[in-house]
Amino acid sequence: MRIMQTLRDRNIEASDLPLYGWEDWATWEGKWELIEGIPYAMSPMPSKKHQRINGKVYRLFSEALESCPDCEAFLPVNFKIGKHNVLHPDLLILCGEDDDELYVTQTPQLVLEILSPSTLKKDLHTKPKIYKSVRVPFYVIIDPQRESVSIFQLKKEAYVLLSEGREIYMELALEPCKIKIDFGKIW
């Protein structure tokens, strides 16, 4: 990441920087993610294509979950993971009760990220490690540039690629429901 290289160029170690928690995050203005205690600004706004895909994905999941009263799809929401992480996945599926209105604190059944140039590295490398640490069963990556979907499932201690491509029709076993999603409809 360019930030770390800039810090090294100035002889500043990451350990020299302040470590922020979600209590700090809650006081900031604007949209921020907090990853391992480091704040990341959530700007610029996603492209129209990104937002169009996110809307279609939300609709597909919401319709598929109509027969599952225990599960619900959410567009970007505050997902608080421990003291030093607050993430905003593009979509997540939450099953069961989660009483906190400001944050999602329980582990979702599925997290979906739509790649953009400014979030590519975080979405492909940093966030999956955090999602794996709290045992999110499914991680879905959508690449708008390649018009490709990658679906990963957590097996033991690693995400395993289940399917990848443009026209994927897949059944996903979410606890307690099974849903079928035609990802080809998002393009």
N, C-alpha and C. Protein backbone atom coordinates (compact mmCIF):
# COMPACT_ATOMS: atom_id res chain seq x y z
N MET A 1 0.82 -1.17 0.00
CA MET A 1 0.00 0.00 0.00
C MET A 1 0.88 1.24 0.00
N ARG A 2 0.40 2.26 -0.69
CA ARG A 2 1.18 3.48 -0.81
C ARG A 2 1.42 4.16 0.53
N ILE A 3 0.47 4.06 1.45
CA ILE A 3 0.63 4.70 2.76
C ILE A 3 1.84 4.11 3.48
N MET A 4 1.94 2.79 3.49
CA MET A 4 3.05 2.15 4.20
C MET A 4 4.38 2.50 3.56
N GLN A 5 4.42 2.59 2.22
CA GLN A 5 5.66 2.97 1.55
C GLN A 5 6.05 4.40 1.90
N THR A 6 5.07 5.30 1.94
CA THR A 6 5.33 6.69 2.31
C THR A 6 5.87 6.76 3.74
N LEU A 7 5.29 5.98 4.63
CA LEU A 7 5.77 5.95 6.01
C LEU A 7 7.22 5.46 6.07
N ARG A 8 7.52 4.39 5.34
CA ARG A 8 8.90 3.87 5.32
C ARG A 8 9.86 4.89 4.75
N ASP A 9 9.44 5.63 3.71
CA ASP A 9 10.29 6.66 3.12
C ASP A 9 10.63 7.75 4.14
N ARG A 10 9.76 7.96 5.09
CA ARG A 10 9.98 8.99 6.12
C ARG A 10 10.49 8.40 7.43
N ASN A 11 10.90 7.14 7.39
CA ASN A 11 11.42 6.44 8.58
C ASN A 11 10.40 6.39 9.72
N ILE A 12 9.15 6.21 9.37
CA ILE A 12 8.09 6.07 10.37
C ILE A 12 7.60 4.63 10.32
N GLU A 13 7.57 3.97 11.44
CA GLU A 13 7.08 2.61 11.54
C GLU A 13 5.58 2.62 11.85
N ALA A 14 4.87 1.62 11.40
CA ALA A 14 3.44 1.54 11.70
C ALA A 14 3.20 1.54 13.20
N SER A 15 4.11 0.96 13.96
CA SER A 15 3.95 0.93 15.42
C SER A 15 4.07 2.32 16.05
N ASP A 16 4.60 3.30 15.31
CA ASP A 16 4.69 4.67 15.81
C ASP A 16 3.36 5.42 15.69
N LEU A 17 2.44 4.89 14.91
CA LEU A 17 1.17 5.56 14.66
C LEU A 17 0.15 5.21 15.75
N PRO A 18 -0.83 6.09 15.96
CA PRO A 18 -1.88 5.78 16.94
C PRO A 18 -2.73 4.61 16.47
N LEU A 19 -3.23 3.84 17.41
CA LEU A 19 -4.12 2.71 17.13
C LEU A 19 -5.51 3.13 17.60
N TYR A 20 -6.47 3.16 16.68
CA TYR A 20 -7.81 3.62 17.00
C TYR A 20 -8.74 2.44 17.23
N GLY A 21 -9.76 2.68 18.05
CA GLY A 21 -10.79 1.68 18.31
C GLY A 21 -12.13 2.16 17.80
N TRP A 22 -13.14 1.31 17.92
CA TRP A 22 -14.45 1.69 17.40
C TRP A 22 -15.05 2.86 18.17
N GLU A 23 -14.64 3.06 19.43
CA GLU A 23 -15.14 4.22 20.18
C GLU A 23 -14.65 5.52 19.52
N ASP A 24 -13.40 5.52 19.04
CA ASP A 24 -12.88 6.68 18.31
C ASP A 24 -13.64 6.84 16.99
N TRP A 25 -13.77 5.74 16.26
CA TRP A 25 -14.43 5.72 14.97
C TRP A 25 -15.82 6.36 15.06
N ALA A 26 -16.55 6.06 16.14
CA ALA A 26 -17.92 6.54 16.29
C ALA A 26 -18.00 8.06 16.40
N THR A 27 -16.90 8.72 16.68
CA THR A 27 -16.91 10.19 16.83
C THR A 27 -16.51 10.92 15.56
N TRP A 28 -16.03 10.20 14.55
CA TRP A 28 -15.52 10.84 13.34
C TRP A 28 -16.65 11.27 12.43
N GLU A 29 -16.43 12.36 11.72
CA GLU A 29 -17.38 12.80 10.70
C GLU A 29 -17.02 12.14 9.37
N GLY A 30 -17.99 11.97 8.53
CA GLY A 30 -17.75 11.34 7.24
C GLY A 30 -17.82 9.83 7.36
N LYS A 31 -17.49 9.15 6.26
CA LYS A 31 -17.56 7.69 6.21
C LYS A 31 -16.15 7.12 6.28
N TRP A 32 -15.92 6.26 7.27
CA TRP A 32 -14.61 5.66 7.50
C TRP A 32 -14.76 4.18 7.77
N GLU A 33 -13.79 3.40 7.31
CA GLU A 33 -13.64 2.03 7.79
C GLU A 33 -12.45 2.04 8.74
N LEU A 34 -12.49 1.16 9.71
CA LEU A 34 -11.40 1.01 10.65
C LEU A 34 -10.88 -0.41 10.51
N ILE A 35 -9.62 -0.54 10.07
CA ILE A 35 -9.04 -1.86 9.83
C ILE A 35 -7.78 -2.00 10.65
N GLU A 36 -7.84 -2.92 11.60
CA GLU A 36 -6.73 -3.16 12.52
C GLU A 36 -6.25 -1.86 13.17
N GLY A 37 -7.22 -0.99 13.51
CA GLY A 37 -6.90 0.24 14.20
C GLY A 37 -6.48 1.40 13.32
N ILE A 38 -6.47 1.20 12.00
CA ILE A 38 -6.05 2.24 11.06
C ILE A 38 -7.29 2.74 10.31
N PRO A 39 -7.54 4.05 10.31
CA PRO A 39 -8.71 4.58 9.60
C PRO A 39 -8.48 4.67 8.09
N TYR A 40 -9.53 4.33 7.34
CA TYR A 40 -9.52 4.44 5.88
C TYR A 40 -10.75 5.25 5.46
N ALA A 41 -10.53 6.34 4.76
CA ALA A 41 -11.64 7.16 4.27
C ALA A 41 -12.40 6.39 3.20
N MET A 42 -13.72 6.49 3.24
CA MET A 42 -14.58 5.81 2.28
C MET A 42 -14.96 6.77 1.17
N SER A 43 -14.00 7.16 0.38
CA SER A 43 -14.29 8.05 -0.73
C SER A 43 -13.30 7.72 -1.85
N PRO A 44 -13.55 8.03 -3.04
CA PRO A 44 -14.76 8.69 -3.54
C PRO A 44 -15.95 7.73 -3.56
N MET A 45 -17.11 8.27 -3.88
CA MET A 45 -18.30 7.44 -3.99
C MET A 45 -18.08 6.39 -5.07
N PRO A 46 -18.72 5.21 -4.91
CA PRO A 46 -18.59 4.18 -5.94
C PRO A 46 -19.16 4.66 -7.28
N SER A 47 -18.69 4.03 -8.36
CA SER A 47 -19.17 4.36 -9.69
C SER A 47 -20.65 3.98 -9.84
N LYS A 48 -21.26 4.51 -10.89
CA LYS A 48 -22.66 4.16 -11.16
C LYS A 48 -22.79 2.66 -11.41
N LYS A 49 -21.83 2.07 -12.12
CA LYS A 49 -21.88 0.63 -12.39
C LYS A 49 -21.81 -0.16 -11.08
N HIS A 50 -20.93 0.25 -10.19
CA HIS A 50 -20.79 -0.39 -8.88
C HIS A 50 -22.14 -0.35 -8.14
N GLN A 51 -22.75 0.83 -8.10
CA GLN A 51 -24.01 0.99 -7.39
C GLN A 51 -25.15 0.23 -8.07
N ARG A 52 -25.15 0.20 -9.39
CA ARG A 52 -26.16 -0.55 -10.12
C ARG A 52 -26.06 -2.04 -9.79
N ILE A 53 -24.84 -2.57 -9.80
CA ILE A 53 -24.62 -3.98 -9.46
C ILE A 53 -25.06 -4.24 -8.02
N ASN A 54 -24.69 -3.36 -7.11
CA ASN A 54 -25.05 -3.57 -5.71
C ASN A 54 -26.57 -3.60 -5.53
N GLY A 55 -27.28 -2.72 -6.23
CA GLY A 55 -28.74 -2.73 -6.16
C GLY A 55 -29.33 -4.03 -6.67
N LYS A 56 -28.80 -4.52 -7.79
CA LYS A 56 -29.31 -5.78 -8.35
C LYS A 56 -28.99 -6.96 -7.45
N VAL A 57 -27.79 -6.97 -6.88
CA VAL A 57 -27.41 -8.06 -5.96
C VAL A 57 -28.31 -8.04 -4.74
N TYR A 58 -28.55 -6.86 -4.20
CA TYR A 58 -29.43 -6.74 -3.03
C TYR A 58 -30.82 -7.29 -3.35
N ARG A 59 -31.36 -6.91 -4.51
CA ARG A 59 -32.68 -7.38 -4.90
C ARG A 59 -32.71 -8.90 -5.05
N LEU A 60 -31.67 -9.47 -5.69
CA LEU A 60 -31.61 -10.93 -5.85
C LEU A 60 -31.60 -11.65 -4.51
N PHE A 61 -30.74 -11.16 -3.59
CA PHE A 61 -30.66 -11.81 -2.28
C PHE A 61 -31.94 -11.60 -1.47
N SER A 62 -32.50 -10.40 -1.51
CA SER A 62 -33.74 -10.14 -0.76
C SER A 62 -34.87 -11.03 -1.24
N GLU A 63 -35.00 -11.18 -2.57
CA GLU A 63 -36.04 -12.05 -3.11
C GLU A 63 -35.79 -13.51 -2.72
N ALA A 64 -34.54 -13.95 -2.79
CA ALA A 64 -34.22 -15.34 -2.43
C ALA A 64 -34.47 -15.60 -0.95
N LEU A 65 -34.32 -14.59 -0.12
CA LEU A 65 -34.49 -14.76 1.32
C LEU A 65 -35.93 -14.59 1.78
N GLU A 66 -36.87 -14.29 0.87
CA GLU A 66 -38.27 -14.13 1.25
C GLU A 66 -38.82 -15.38 1.92
N SER A 67 -38.35 -16.55 1.52
CA SER A 67 -38.83 -17.81 2.12
C SER A 67 -38.06 -18.17 3.39
N CYS A 68 -37.14 -17.32 3.81
CA CYS A 68 -36.33 -17.57 5.01
C CYS A 68 -36.52 -16.40 5.97
N PRO A 69 -37.49 -16.49 6.87
CA PRO A 69 -37.77 -15.36 7.76
C PRO A 69 -36.66 -15.05 8.76
N ASP A 70 -35.69 -15.94 8.91
CA ASP A 70 -34.61 -15.72 9.88
C ASP A 70 -33.44 -14.92 9.31
N CYS A 71 -33.40 -14.72 8.00
CA CYS A 71 -32.24 -14.08 7.37
C CYS A 71 -32.66 -12.81 6.62
N GLU A 72 -31.74 -11.86 6.55
CA GLU A 72 -32.01 -10.59 5.88
C GLU A 72 -30.74 -10.07 5.21
N ALA A 73 -30.90 -9.47 4.04
CA ALA A 73 -29.78 -8.85 3.33
C ALA A 73 -29.69 -7.39 3.74
N PHE A 74 -28.45 -6.89 3.89
CA PHE A 74 -28.21 -5.50 4.22
C PHE A 74 -27.21 -4.91 3.24
N LEU A 75 -27.49 -3.69 2.77
CA LEU A 75 -26.53 -2.93 2.00
C LEU A 75 -25.50 -2.37 2.98
N PRO A 76 -24.50 -1.61 2.54
CA PRO A 76 -23.44 -1.24 3.47
C PRO A 76 -23.97 -0.85 4.86
N VAL A 77 -23.43 -1.55 5.83
CA VAL A 77 -23.82 -1.39 7.22
C VAL A 77 -22.54 -1.47 8.05
N ASN A 78 -22.56 -0.90 9.23
CA ASN A 78 -21.39 -0.95 10.11
C ASN A 78 -21.24 -2.35 10.70
N PHE A 79 -20.20 -3.06 10.29
CA PHE A 79 -19.92 -4.40 10.81
C PHE A 79 -18.74 -4.28 11.76
N LYS A 80 -19.04 -4.30 13.06
CA LYS A 80 -18.02 -4.13 14.10
C LYS A 80 -17.44 -5.49 14.45
N ILE A 81 -16.11 -5.61 14.29
CA ILE A 81 -15.41 -6.86 14.55
C ILE A 81 -14.32 -6.56 15.58
N GLY A 82 -14.59 -6.90 16.82
CA GLY A 82 -13.62 -6.63 17.86
C GLY A 82 -13.47 -5.13 18.12
N LYS A 83 -12.41 -4.77 18.78
CA LYS A 83 -12.20 -3.37 19.18
C LYS A 83 -11.67 -2.49 18.06
N HIS A 84 -10.91 -3.06 17.10
CA HIS A 84 -10.17 -2.24 16.13
C HIS A 84 -10.63 -2.39 14.69
N ASN A 85 -11.83 -2.95 14.45
CA ASN A 85 -12.30 -3.12 13.08
C ASN A 85 -13.77 -2.74 12.95
N VAL A 86 -14.05 -1.82 12.05
CA VAL A 86 -15.42 -1.51 11.63
C VAL A 86 -15.38 -1.47 10.11
N LEU A 87 -16.01 -2.47 9.49
CA LEU A 87 -16.00 -2.59 8.04
C LEU A 87 -17.38 -2.30 7.47
N HIS A 88 -17.40 -1.93 6.19
CA HIS A 88 -18.65 -1.66 5.48
C HIS A 88 -18.72 -2.51 4.22
N PRO A 89 -19.01 -3.79 4.35
CA PRO A 89 -19.13 -4.59 3.13
C PRO A 89 -20.27 -4.06 2.26
N ASP A 90 -20.17 -4.30 0.96
CA ASP A 90 -21.21 -3.82 0.05
C ASP A 90 -22.55 -4.49 0.34
N LEU A 91 -22.51 -5.73 0.80
CA LEU A 91 -23.73 -6.45 1.16
C LEU A 91 -23.34 -7.52 2.16
N LEU A 92 -24.22 -7.79 3.11
CA LEU A 92 -24.03 -8.94 3.98
C LEU A 92 -25.38 -9.56 4.28
N ILE A 93 -25.35 -10.85 4.62
CA ILE A 93 -26.55 -11.59 4.99
C ILE A 93 -26.44 -11.91 6.47
N LEU A 94 -27.43 -11.48 7.21
CA LEU A 94 -27.46 -11.71 8.65
C LEU A 94 -28.64 -12.61 8.97
N CYS A 95 -28.39 -13.66 9.73
CA CYS A 95 -29.43 -14.60 10.13
C CYS A 95 -29.55 -14.60 11.64
N GLY A 96 -30.78 -14.60 12.13
CA GLY A 96 -31.01 -14.57 13.56
C GLY A 96 -31.09 -13.14 14.06
N GLU A 97 -31.10 -12.99 15.35
CA GLU A 97 -31.24 -11.68 15.97
C GLU A 97 -29.90 -10.99 16.14
N ASP A 98 -29.89 -9.69 15.92
CA ASP A 98 -28.75 -8.84 16.21
C ASP A 98 -29.34 -7.53 16.74
N ASP A 99 -29.30 -7.37 18.05
CA ASP A 99 -30.03 -6.28 18.71
C ASP A 99 -29.46 -4.90 18.46
N ASP A 100 -28.18 -4.79 18.18
CA ASP A 100 -27.56 -3.48 18.05
C ASP A 100 -28.02 -2.80 16.76
N GLU A 101 -28.56 -1.63 16.89
CA GLU A 101 -29.08 -0.91 15.72
C GLU A 101 -27.99 -0.20 14.93
N LEU A 102 -26.92 0.25 15.59
CA LEU A 102 -25.87 1.01 14.92
C LEU A 102 -24.85 0.10 14.25
N TYR A 103 -24.63 -1.07 14.81
CA TYR A 103 -23.62 -2.00 14.31
C TYR A 103 -24.21 -3.38 14.11
N VAL A 104 -23.64 -4.11 13.18
CA VAL A 104 -23.82 -5.56 13.14
C VAL A 104 -22.65 -6.10 13.95
N THR A 105 -22.96 -6.91 14.95
CA THR A 105 -21.91 -7.46 15.79
C THR A 105 -21.79 -8.97 15.69
N GLN A 106 -22.84 -9.63 15.20
CA GLN A 106 -22.75 -11.07 15.04
C GLN A 106 -22.18 -11.40 13.67
N THR A 107 -21.66 -12.60 13.55
CA THR A 107 -21.04 -13.01 12.29
C THR A 107 -22.11 -13.24 11.22
N PRO A 108 -22.00 -12.56 10.10
CA PRO A 108 -22.94 -12.80 9.00
C PRO A 108 -22.68 -14.15 8.34
N GLN A 109 -23.68 -14.64 7.63
CA GLN A 109 -23.53 -15.88 6.88
C GLN A 109 -22.79 -15.67 5.57
N LEU A 110 -22.88 -14.45 5.04
CA LEU A 110 -22.27 -14.14 3.76
C LEU A 110 -21.87 -12.66 3.75
N VAL A 111 -20.70 -12.39 3.19
CA VAL A 111 -20.25 -11.02 2.95
C VAL A 111 -19.90 -10.90 1.48
N LEU A 112 -20.31 -9.79 0.87
CA LEU A 112 -20.06 -9.56 -0.55
C LEU A 112 -19.38 -8.20 -0.71
N GLU A 113 -18.32 -8.19 -1.50
CA GLU A 113 -17.60 -6.95 -1.82
C GLU A 113 -17.57 -6.78 -3.34
N ILE A 114 -17.81 -5.56 -3.79
CA ILE A 114 -17.70 -5.21 -5.20
C ILE A 114 -16.41 -4.43 -5.36
N LEU A 115 -15.53 -4.92 -6.19
CA LEU A 115 -14.22 -4.30 -6.35
C LEU A 115 -14.31 -2.93 -7.01
N SER A 116 -13.46 -2.04 -6.55
CA SER A 116 -13.25 -0.76 -7.22
C SER A 116 -11.76 -0.47 -7.11
N PRO A 117 -11.23 0.37 -7.99
CA PRO A 117 -9.78 0.61 -7.96
C PRO A 117 -9.25 1.04 -6.60
N SER A 118 -10.02 1.83 -5.86
CA SER A 118 -9.53 2.34 -4.57
C SER A 118 -9.62 1.31 -3.44
N THR A 119 -10.39 0.23 -3.62
CA THR A 119 -10.55 -0.76 -2.55
C THR A 119 -10.04 -2.14 -2.91
N LEU A 120 -9.47 -2.28 -4.09
CA LEU A 120 -9.07 -3.59 -4.62
C LEU A 120 -8.22 -4.38 -3.63
N LYS A 121 -7.15 -3.79 -3.15
CA LYS A 121 -6.23 -4.52 -2.27
C LYS A 121 -6.90 -4.90 -0.96
N LYS A 122 -7.66 -3.98 -0.38
CA LYS A 122 -8.37 -4.28 0.87
C LYS A 122 -9.35 -5.43 0.67
N ASP A 123 -10.12 -5.37 -0.43
CA ASP A 123 -11.17 -6.37 -0.66
C ASP A 123 -10.61 -7.75 -0.99
N LEU A 124 -9.46 -7.79 -1.65
CA LEU A 124 -8.89 -9.08 -2.05
C LEU A 124 -7.94 -9.69 -1.00
N HIS A 125 -7.33 -8.85 -0.18
CA HIS A 125 -6.30 -9.37 0.73
C HIS A 125 -6.57 -9.10 2.21
N THR A 126 -6.89 -7.87 2.54
CA THR A 126 -7.02 -7.49 3.95
C THR A 126 -8.34 -7.97 4.56
N LYS A 127 -9.44 -7.62 3.93
CA LYS A 127 -10.75 -7.96 4.49
C LYS A 127 -10.99 -9.48 4.61
N PRO A 128 -10.60 -10.29 3.62
CA PRO A 128 -10.85 -11.73 3.79
C PRO A 128 -10.18 -12.31 5.05
N LYS A 129 -9.03 -11.79 5.41
CA LYS A 129 -8.36 -12.26 6.64
C LYS A 129 -9.21 -11.94 7.86
N ILE A 130 -9.79 -10.75 7.87
CA ILE A 130 -10.64 -10.36 9.01
C ILE A 130 -11.92 -11.18 9.02
N TYR A 131 -12.55 -11.35 7.85
CA TYR A 131 -13.77 -12.15 7.78
C TYR A 131 -13.50 -13.60 8.18
N LYS A 132 -12.35 -14.12 7.77
CA LYS A 132 -11.97 -15.48 8.15
C LYS A 132 -11.80 -15.60 9.66
N SER A 133 -11.25 -14.56 10.29
CA SER A 133 -11.00 -14.61 11.74
C SER A 133 -12.29 -14.73 12.54
N VAL A 134 -13.42 -14.25 12.00
CA VAL A 134 -14.70 -14.39 12.69
C VAL A 134 -15.58 -15.45 12.04
N ARG A 135 -14.99 -16.21 11.12
CA ARG A 135 -15.60 -17.40 10.52
C ARG A 135 -16.86 -17.09 9.69
N VAL A 136 -16.79 -16.06 8.85
CA VAL A 136 -17.88 -15.79 7.90
C VAL A 136 -17.88 -16.94 6.89
N PRO A 137 -18.97 -17.70 6.77
CA PRO A 137 -18.97 -18.89 5.92
C PRO A 137 -18.75 -18.64 4.43
N PHE A 138 -19.34 -17.56 3.88
CA PHE A 138 -19.22 -17.29 2.44
C PHE A 138 -18.70 -15.88 2.22
N TYR A 139 -17.76 -15.77 1.26
CA TYR A 139 -17.21 -14.48 0.86
C TYR A 139 -17.34 -14.39 -0.66
N VAL A 140 -18.03 -13.37 -1.14
CA VAL A 140 -18.29 -13.20 -2.57
C VAL A 140 -17.62 -11.91 -3.04
N ILE A 141 -16.87 -12.03 -4.13
CA ILE A 141 -16.21 -10.88 -4.75
C ILE A 141 -16.82 -10.68 -6.14
N ILE A 142 -17.23 -9.46 -6.42
CA ILE A 142 -17.72 -9.12 -7.76
C ILE A 142 -16.74 -8.12 -8.37
N ASP A 143 -16.27 -8.44 -9.56
CA ASP A 143 -15.34 -7.58 -10.29
C ASP A 143 -16.09 -6.94 -11.45
N PRO A 144 -16.51 -5.68 -11.32
CA PRO A 144 -17.28 -5.02 -12.38
C PRO A 144 -16.49 -4.87 -13.69
N GLN A 145 -15.17 -4.69 -13.60
CA GLN A 145 -14.37 -4.52 -14.81
C GLN A 145 -14.36 -5.79 -15.66
N ARG A 146 -14.16 -6.91 -15.02
CA ARG A 146 -14.13 -8.20 -15.73
C ARG A 146 -15.51 -8.83 -15.86
N GLU A 147 -16.51 -8.22 -15.21
CA GLU A 147 -17.86 -8.78 -15.13
C GLU A 147 -17.77 -10.23 -14.70
N SER A 148 -17.18 -10.42 -13.52
CA SER A 148 -16.93 -11.75 -12.98
C SER A 148 -17.31 -11.80 -11.50
N VAL A 149 -17.79 -12.97 -11.09
CA VAL A 149 -18.14 -13.23 -9.70
C VAL A 149 -17.26 -14.38 -9.21
N SER A 150 -16.72 -14.23 -7.99
CA SER A 150 -15.95 -15.31 -7.35
C SER A 150 -16.62 -15.61 -6.02
N ILE A 151 -16.98 -16.87 -5.82
CA ILE A 151 -17.67 -17.28 -4.60
C ILE A 151 -16.73 -18.20 -3.82
N PHE A 152 -16.45 -17.80 -2.58
CA PHE A 152 -15.56 -18.55 -1.71
C PHE A 152 -16.35 -19.07 -0.50
N GLN A 153 -15.97 -20.25 -0.04
CA GLN A 153 -16.54 -20.80 1.18
C GLN A 153 -15.42 -21.10 2.17
N LEU A 154 -15.67 -20.78 3.42
CA LEU A 154 -14.68 -21.05 4.45
C LEU A 154 -14.70 -22.54 4.77
N LYS A 155 -13.58 -23.18 4.54
CA LYS A 155 -13.43 -24.60 4.85
C LYS A 155 -12.20 -24.73 5.72
N LYS A 156 -12.43 -25.21 6.93
CA LYS A 156 -11.37 -25.29 7.94
C LYS A 156 -10.82 -23.90 8.19
N GLU A 157 -9.63 -23.60 7.74
CA GLU A 157 -9.00 -22.31 8.06
C GLU A 157 -8.74 -21.44 6.84
N ALA A 158 -9.38 -21.75 5.70
CA ALA A 158 -9.11 -20.98 4.49
C ALA A 158 -10.37 -20.86 3.63
N TYR A 159 -10.43 -19.78 2.86
CA TYR A 159 -11.50 -19.63 1.88
C TYR A 159 -11.12 -20.42 0.64
N VAL A 160 -12.06 -21.27 0.19
CA VAL A 160 -11.87 -22.11 -0.98
C VAL A 160 -12.80 -21.61 -2.07
N LEU A 161 -12.26 -21.45 -3.28
CA LEU A 161 -13.06 -20.98 -4.41
C LEU A 161 -14.06 -22.06 -4.82
N LEU A 162 -15.35 -21.74 -4.75
CA LEU A 162 -16.40 -22.68 -5.17
C LEU A 162 -16.75 -22.52 -6.64
N SER A 163 -16.79 -21.26 -7.08
CA SER A 163 -17.18 -21.00 -8.46
C SER A 163 -16.71 -19.61 -8.85
N GLU A 164 -16.41 -19.46 -10.15
CA GLU A 164 -15.97 -18.17 -10.66
C GLU A 164 -16.43 -18.04 -12.10
N GLY A 165 -16.93 -16.86 -12.45
CA GLY A 165 -17.35 -16.62 -13.82
C GLY A 165 -18.39 -15.53 -13.90
N ARG A 166 -18.97 -15.42 -15.08
CA ARG A 166 -19.94 -14.36 -15.33
C ARG A 166 -21.37 -14.85 -15.10
N GLU A 167 -21.66 -16.05 -15.52
CA GLU A 167 -23.02 -16.61 -15.45
C GLU A 167 -23.05 -17.75 -14.43
N ILE A 168 -23.13 -17.41 -13.17
CA ILE A 168 -23.13 -18.41 -12.10
C ILE A 168 -24.53 -18.51 -11.51
N TYR A 169 -25.04 -19.72 -11.48
CA TYR A 169 -26.30 -20.01 -10.78
C TYR A 169 -25.92 -20.97 -9.67
N MET A 170 -26.12 -20.55 -8.42
CA MET A 170 -25.59 -21.33 -7.32
C MET A 170 -26.56 -21.40 -6.15
N GLU A 171 -26.58 -22.58 -5.52
CA GLU A 171 -27.31 -22.73 -4.27
C GLU A 171 -26.32 -22.55 -3.13
N LEU A 172 -26.69 -21.70 -2.19
CA LEU A 172 -25.84 -21.42 -1.03
C LEU A 172 -26.56 -21.89 0.23
N ALA A 173 -25.88 -22.67 1.03
CA ALA A 173 -26.45 -23.16 2.29
C ALA A 173 -26.09 -22.19 3.41
N LEU A 174 -27.03 -21.30 3.71
CA LEU A 174 -26.87 -20.36 4.82
C LEU A 174 -27.58 -20.97 6.01
N GLU A 175 -27.02 -20.83 7.18
CA GLU A 175 -27.69 -21.34 8.37
C GLU A 175 -28.79 -20.38 8.76
N PRO A 176 -30.02 -20.73 8.71
CA PRO A 176 -30.64 -22.04 8.57
C PRO A 176 -31.28 -22.30 7.20
N CYS A 177 -30.99 -21.51 6.19
CA CYS A 177 -31.70 -21.60 4.91
C CYS A 177 -30.77 -21.97 3.76
N LYS A 178 -31.40 -22.45 2.69
CA LYS A 178 -30.69 -22.63 1.42
C LYS A 178 -31.35 -21.68 0.43
N ILE A 179 -30.52 -20.95 -0.31
CA ILE A 179 -31.05 -20.03 -1.30
C ILE A 179 -30.36 -20.27 -2.63
N LYS A 180 -31.06 -19.94 -3.71
CA LYS A 180 -30.49 -20.05 -5.05
C LYS A 180 -30.37 -18.65 -5.63
N ILE A 181 -29.18 -18.35 -6.15
CA ILE A 181 -28.89 -17.03 -6.70
C ILE A 181 -28.38 -17.17 -8.13
N ASP A 182 -28.97 -16.43 -9.05
CA ASP A 182 -28.51 -16.37 -10.44
C ASP A 182 -27.71 -15.09 -10.60
N PHE A 183 -26.39 -15.21 -10.40
CA PHE A 183 -25.52 -14.02 -10.49
C PHE A 183 -25.46 -13.46 -11.90
N GLY A 184 -25.84 -14.23 -12.90
CA GLY A 184 -25.86 -13.72 -14.28
C GLY A 184 -26.83 -12.56 -14.45
N LYS A 185 -27.79 -12.41 -13.55
CA LYS A 185 -28.78 -11.33 -13.64
C LYS A 185 -28.23 -9.96 -13.21
N ILE A 186 -27.03 -9.91 -12.68
CA ILE A 186 -26.53 -8.62 -12.21
C ILE A 186 -25.92 -7.79 -13.33
N TRP A 187 -25.66 -8.41 -14.48
CA TRP A 187 -24.99 -7.68 -15.57
C TRP A 187 -26.03 -7.05 -16.47
